[in-house]
Amino acid sequence: MTEEDKKLLHTFEGKLRQLLFLHEGLEKENLSLRKELDAKNAEINELKDSLKELETKYINLKNARILSINDNDLRDTKQRLAKLVREVDKCIALLNE
């Protein structure tokens, strides 16, 4: 093996070591990114569950409000009917005089 071949081999070994070093670094980064991705996916799933729960609560609140409005409307309607009945009674009393 000539001196030039030894230099080429030495250069090749150096570049190969550098490539392996870079490869290890990229593998570590890849692992870190995968862990981060898993954490983000877990967070997304938690947020989706929270969203579903909040949507359910919103629907229940909306339904409760509709029922509440209907109760108020019912009370108002009963009061109006009672007032009308009193007015009719007054009219009948006037007619009887």
N, C-alpha and C. Protein backbone atom coordinates (compact mmCIF):
# COMPACT_ATOMS: atom_id res chain seq x y z
N MET A 1 0.84 -1.15 0.00
CA MET A 1 0.00 0.00 0.00
C MET A 1 0.90 1.23 0.00
N THR A 2 0.62 2.11 -0.90
CA THR A 2 1.45 3.30 -1.05
C THR A 2 1.04 4.36 -0.04
N GLU A 3 1.88 5.37 0.03
CA GLU A 3 1.63 6.48 0.94
C GLU A 3 0.32 7.20 0.57
N GLU A 4 0.08 7.34 -0.71
CA GLU A 4 -1.14 8.01 -1.19
C GLU A 4 -2.37 7.20 -0.81
N ASP A 5 -2.29 5.87 -0.91
CA ASP A 5 -3.41 5.00 -0.53
C ASP A 5 -3.69 5.13 0.97
N LYS A 6 -2.62 5.23 1.78
CA LYS A 6 -2.79 5.38 3.22
C LYS A 6 -3.49 6.69 3.55
N LYS A 7 -3.11 7.76 2.83
CA LYS A 7 -3.75 9.06 3.05
C LYS A 7 -5.24 9.00 2.68
N LEU A 8 -5.51 8.36 1.53
CA LEU A 8 -6.90 8.21 1.10
C LEU A 8 -7.70 7.39 2.12
N LEU A 9 -7.09 6.31 2.60
CA LEU A 9 -7.75 5.46 3.58
C LEU A 9 -8.00 6.23 4.88
N HIS A 10 -7.01 7.01 5.30
CA HIS A 10 -7.13 7.82 6.51
C HIS A 10 -8.23 8.87 6.34
N THR A 11 -8.28 9.51 5.19
CA THR A 11 -9.32 10.50 4.89
C THR A 11 -10.69 9.83 4.88
N PHE A 12 -10.75 8.66 4.25
CA PHE A 12 -12.00 7.91 4.20
C PHE A 12 -12.47 7.56 5.61
N GLU A 13 -11.54 7.08 6.46
CA GLU A 13 -11.90 6.72 7.83
C GLU A 13 -12.41 7.94 8.60
N GLY A 14 -11.77 9.07 8.40
CA GLY A 14 -12.18 10.30 9.08
C GLY A 14 -13.58 10.72 8.65
N LYS A 15 -13.82 10.66 7.34
CA LYS A 15 -15.15 11.03 6.84
C LYS A 15 -16.21 10.03 7.28
N LEU A 16 -15.83 8.74 7.36
CA LEU A 16 -16.75 7.72 7.82
C LEU A 16 -17.10 7.94 9.29
N ARG A 17 -16.12 8.27 10.12
CA ARG A 17 -16.37 8.57 11.53
C ARG A 17 -17.29 9.79 11.66
N GLN A 18 -17.01 10.80 10.84
CA GLN A 18 -17.83 12.00 10.88
C GLN A 18 -19.27 11.66 10.47
N LEU A 19 -19.40 10.84 9.45
CA LEU A 19 -20.73 10.43 9.00
C LEU A 19 -21.46 9.63 10.08
N LEU A 20 -20.74 8.72 10.75
CA LEU A 20 -21.34 7.95 11.83
C LEU A 20 -21.75 8.85 13.00
N PHE A 21 -20.92 9.84 13.29
CA PHE A 21 -21.24 10.80 14.35
C PHE A 21 -22.51 11.58 14.00
N LEU A 22 -22.58 12.04 12.76
CA LEU A 22 -23.77 12.76 12.31
C LEU A 22 -25.00 11.85 12.35
N HIS A 23 -24.81 10.59 11.97
CA HIS A 23 -25.90 9.62 11.99
C HIS A 23 -26.42 9.43 13.42
N GLU A 24 -25.54 9.30 14.39
CA GLU A 24 -25.94 9.16 15.79
C GLU A 24 -26.72 10.39 16.26
N GLY A 25 -26.22 11.55 15.88
CA GLY A 25 -26.90 12.79 16.25
C GLY A 25 -28.30 12.85 15.67
N LEU A 26 -28.43 12.46 14.41
CA LEU A 26 -29.74 12.47 13.77
C LEU A 26 -30.68 11.45 14.39
N GLU A 27 -30.14 10.30 14.79
CA GLU A 27 -30.97 9.30 15.46
C GLU A 27 -31.49 9.82 16.80
N LYS A 28 -30.61 10.50 17.55
CA LYS A 28 -31.04 11.09 18.83
C LYS A 28 -32.10 12.16 18.60
N GLU A 29 -31.89 13.00 17.61
CA GLU A 29 -32.86 14.04 17.29
C GLU A 29 -34.19 13.41 16.86
N ASN A 30 -34.10 12.36 16.05
CA ASN A 30 -35.30 11.67 15.59
C ASN A 30 -36.08 11.10 16.78
N LEU A 31 -35.38 10.48 17.71
CA LEU A 31 -36.01 9.92 18.90
C LEU A 31 -36.67 11.02 19.72
N SER A 32 -35.96 12.12 19.88
CA SER A 32 -36.51 13.26 20.62
C SER A 32 -37.77 13.80 19.94
N LEU A 33 -37.72 13.92 18.63
CA LEU A 33 -38.88 14.42 17.90
C LEU A 33 -40.06 13.45 17.98
N ARG A 34 -39.76 12.16 17.96
CA ARG A 34 -40.84 11.18 18.09
C ARG A 34 -41.50 11.27 19.47
N LYS A 35 -40.69 11.47 20.52
CA LYS A 35 -41.25 11.63 21.86
C LYS A 35 -42.11 12.89 21.92
N GLU A 36 -41.63 13.96 21.33
CA GLU A 36 -42.38 15.21 21.32
C GLU A 36 -43.69 15.04 20.55
N LEU A 37 -43.63 14.31 19.44
CA LEU A 37 -44.83 14.05 18.64
C LEU A 37 -45.84 13.23 19.45
N ASP A 38 -45.36 12.22 20.17
CA ASP A 38 -46.26 11.41 21.00
C ASP A 38 -46.91 12.28 22.08
N ALA A 39 -46.12 13.17 22.69
CA ALA A 39 -46.65 14.06 23.72
C ALA A 39 -47.71 14.99 23.13
N LYS A 40 -47.45 15.52 21.94
CA LYS A 40 -48.41 16.41 21.28
C LYS A 40 -49.68 15.65 20.91
N ASN A 41 -49.52 14.42 20.44
CA ASN A 41 -50.70 13.61 20.10
C ASN A 41 -51.54 13.33 21.35
N ALA A 42 -50.87 13.05 22.47
CA ALA A 42 -51.59 12.83 23.72
C ALA A 42 -52.33 14.11 24.13
N GLU A 43 -51.67 15.25 23.98
CA GLU A 43 -52.30 16.53 24.31
C GLU A 43 -53.50 16.79 23.40
N ILE A 44 -53.36 16.48 22.13
CA ILE A 44 -54.47 16.65 21.18
C ILE A 44 -55.65 15.77 21.59
N ASN A 45 -55.37 14.53 21.97
CA ASN A 45 -56.45 13.63 22.40
C ASN A 45 -57.15 14.16 23.65
N GLU A 46 -56.35 14.69 24.60
CA GLU A 46 -56.95 15.27 25.81
C GLU A 46 -57.82 16.46 25.45
N LEU A 47 -57.34 17.30 24.53
CA LEU A 47 -58.12 18.47 24.13
C LEU A 47 -59.39 18.07 23.39
N LYS A 48 -59.31 17.01 22.58
CA LYS A 48 -60.51 16.52 21.90
C LYS A 48 -61.54 16.03 22.91
N ASP A 49 -61.07 15.29 23.93
CA ASP A 49 -61.98 14.82 24.97
C ASP A 49 -62.61 15.99 25.71
N SER A 50 -61.78 16.99 26.02
CA SER A 50 -62.27 18.18 26.69
C SER A 50 -63.29 18.91 25.83
N LEU A 51 -63.02 18.99 24.53
CA LEU A 51 -63.95 19.64 23.61
C LEU A 51 -65.29 18.91 23.59
N LYS A 52 -65.26 17.57 23.53
CA LYS A 52 -66.50 16.80 23.54
C LYS A 52 -67.28 17.05 24.82
N GLU A 53 -66.57 17.07 25.94
CA GLU A 53 -67.22 17.32 27.22
C GLU A 53 -67.85 18.71 27.26
N LEU A 54 -67.11 19.70 26.77
CA LEU A 54 -67.64 21.06 26.76
C LEU A 54 -68.83 21.20 25.81
N GLU A 55 -68.78 20.51 24.67
CA GLU A 55 -69.91 20.54 23.75
C GLU A 55 -71.15 19.93 24.40
N THR A 56 -70.96 18.84 25.12
CA THR A 56 -72.07 18.20 25.82
C THR A 56 -72.65 19.13 26.87
N LYS A 57 -71.76 19.78 27.63
CA LYS A 57 -72.22 20.73 28.64
C LYS A 57 -72.96 21.90 27.99
N TYR A 58 -72.47 22.35 26.85
CA TYR A 58 -73.12 23.47 26.15
C TYR A 58 -74.52 23.07 25.70
N ILE A 59 -74.63 21.88 25.14
CA ILE A 59 -75.94 21.40 24.67
C ILE A 59 -76.90 21.28 25.86
N ASN A 60 -76.39 20.73 26.97
CA ASN A 60 -77.24 20.60 28.16
C ASN A 60 -77.68 21.97 28.68
N LEU A 61 -76.75 22.91 28.69
CA LEU A 61 -77.07 24.27 29.14
C LEU A 61 -78.09 24.92 28.22
N LYS A 62 -77.91 24.72 26.93
CA LYS A 62 -78.85 25.28 25.96
C LYS A 62 -80.24 24.68 26.16
N ASN A 63 -80.30 23.37 26.36
CA ASN A 63 -81.59 22.71 26.60
C ASN A 63 -82.22 23.20 27.90
N ALA A 64 -81.41 23.37 28.93
CA ALA A 64 -81.93 23.86 30.20
C ALA A 64 -82.48 25.27 30.04
N ARG A 65 -81.80 26.07 29.27
CA ARG A 65 -82.27 27.44 29.06
C ARG A 65 -83.59 27.44 28.28
N ILE A 66 -83.69 26.56 27.30
CA ILE A 66 -84.94 26.45 26.54
C ILE A 66 -86.08 26.06 27.48
N LEU A 67 -85.81 25.10 28.36
CA LEU A 67 -86.83 24.70 29.33
C LEU A 67 -87.16 25.85 30.27
N SER A 68 -86.15 26.58 30.68
CA SER A 68 -86.35 27.72 31.57
C SER A 68 -87.20 28.78 30.89
N ILE A 69 -86.89 29.04 29.64
CA ILE A 69 -87.68 30.02 28.89
C ILE A 69 -89.12 29.54 28.77
N ASN A 70 -89.30 28.28 28.51
CA ASN A 70 -90.65 27.74 28.39
C ASN A 70 -91.40 27.84 29.72
N ASP A 71 -90.74 27.62 30.84
CA ASP A 71 -91.37 27.77 32.15
C ASP A 71 -91.80 29.21 32.37
N ASN A 72 -90.94 30.15 32.02
CA ASN A 72 -91.28 31.57 32.16
C ASN A 72 -92.45 31.93 31.25
N ASP A 73 -92.39 31.45 30.03
CA ASP A 73 -93.48 31.71 29.09
C ASP A 73 -94.79 31.11 29.60
N LEU A 74 -94.71 29.95 30.18
CA LEU A 74 -95.89 29.29 30.71
C LEU A 74 -96.47 30.11 31.86
N ARG A 75 -95.64 30.59 32.75
CA ARG A 75 -96.08 31.40 33.87
C ARG A 75 -96.73 32.70 33.35
N ASP A 76 -96.08 33.34 32.37
CA ASP A 76 -96.62 34.57 31.79
C ASP A 76 -97.98 34.32 31.13
N THR A 77 -98.06 33.21 30.44
CA THR A 77 -99.31 32.87 29.76
C THR A 77 -100.42 32.63 30.78
N LYS A 78 -100.10 31.94 31.88
CA LYS A 78 -101.10 31.71 32.92
C LYS A 78 -101.56 33.04 33.52
N GLN A 79 -100.62 33.95 33.73
CA GLN A 79 -100.98 35.26 34.28
C GLN A 79 -101.87 36.04 33.31
N ARG A 80 -101.57 35.98 32.03
CA ARG A 80 -102.40 36.67 31.03
C ARG A 80 -103.81 36.07 30.98
N LEU A 81 -103.85 34.74 31.03
CA LEU A 81 -105.18 34.08 31.01
C LEU A 81 -105.98 34.45 32.25
N ALA A 82 -105.32 34.49 33.39
CA ALA A 82 -106.02 34.86 34.63
C ALA A 82 -106.55 36.30 34.52
N LYS A 83 -105.76 37.18 33.96
CA LYS A 83 -106.17 38.57 33.77
C LYS A 83 -107.37 38.64 32.83
N LEU A 84 -107.31 37.87 31.74
CA LEU A 84 -108.44 37.86 30.80
C LEU A 84 -109.70 37.32 31.46
N VAL A 85 -109.56 36.28 32.26
CA VAL A 85 -110.71 35.71 32.95
C VAL A 85 -111.31 36.74 33.90
N ARG A 86 -110.49 37.49 34.62
CA ARG A 86 -111.00 38.55 35.52
C ARG A 86 -111.74 39.62 34.73
N GLU A 87 -111.19 39.99 33.57
CA GLU A 87 -111.85 41.01 32.74
C GLU A 87 -113.20 40.50 32.24
N VAL A 88 -113.24 39.22 31.84
CA VAL A 88 -114.51 38.63 31.38
C VAL A 88 -115.50 38.61 32.53
N ASP A 89 -115.04 38.24 33.72
CA ASP A 89 -115.92 38.23 34.89
C ASP A 89 -116.47 39.63 35.18
N LYS A 90 -115.64 40.65 35.04
CA LYS A 90 -116.08 42.03 35.23
C LYS A 90 -117.16 42.39 34.19
N CYS A 91 -116.89 41.98 32.95
CA CYS A 91 -117.87 42.27 31.88
C CYS A 91 -119.21 41.58 32.18
N ILE A 92 -119.15 40.33 32.61
CA ILE A 92 -120.38 39.60 32.93
C ILE A 92 -121.10 40.29 34.09
N ALA A 93 -120.34 40.71 35.07
CA ALA A 93 -120.94 41.40 36.22
C ALA A 93 -121.60 42.69 35.77
N LEU A 94 -120.98 43.41 34.85
CA LEU A 94 -121.58 44.64 34.33
C LEU A 94 -122.86 44.37 33.54
N LEU A 95 -122.84 43.26 32.80
CA LEU A 95 -124.02 42.92 32.02
C LEU A 95 -125.18 42.50 32.93
N ASN A 96 -124.90 41.92 34.05
CA ASN A 96 -125.92 41.46 34.98
C ASN A 96 -126.56 42.62 35.75
N GLU A 97 -125.95 43.76 35.75
CA GLU A 97 -126.49 44.91 36.48
C GLU A 97 -127.61 45.52 35.79
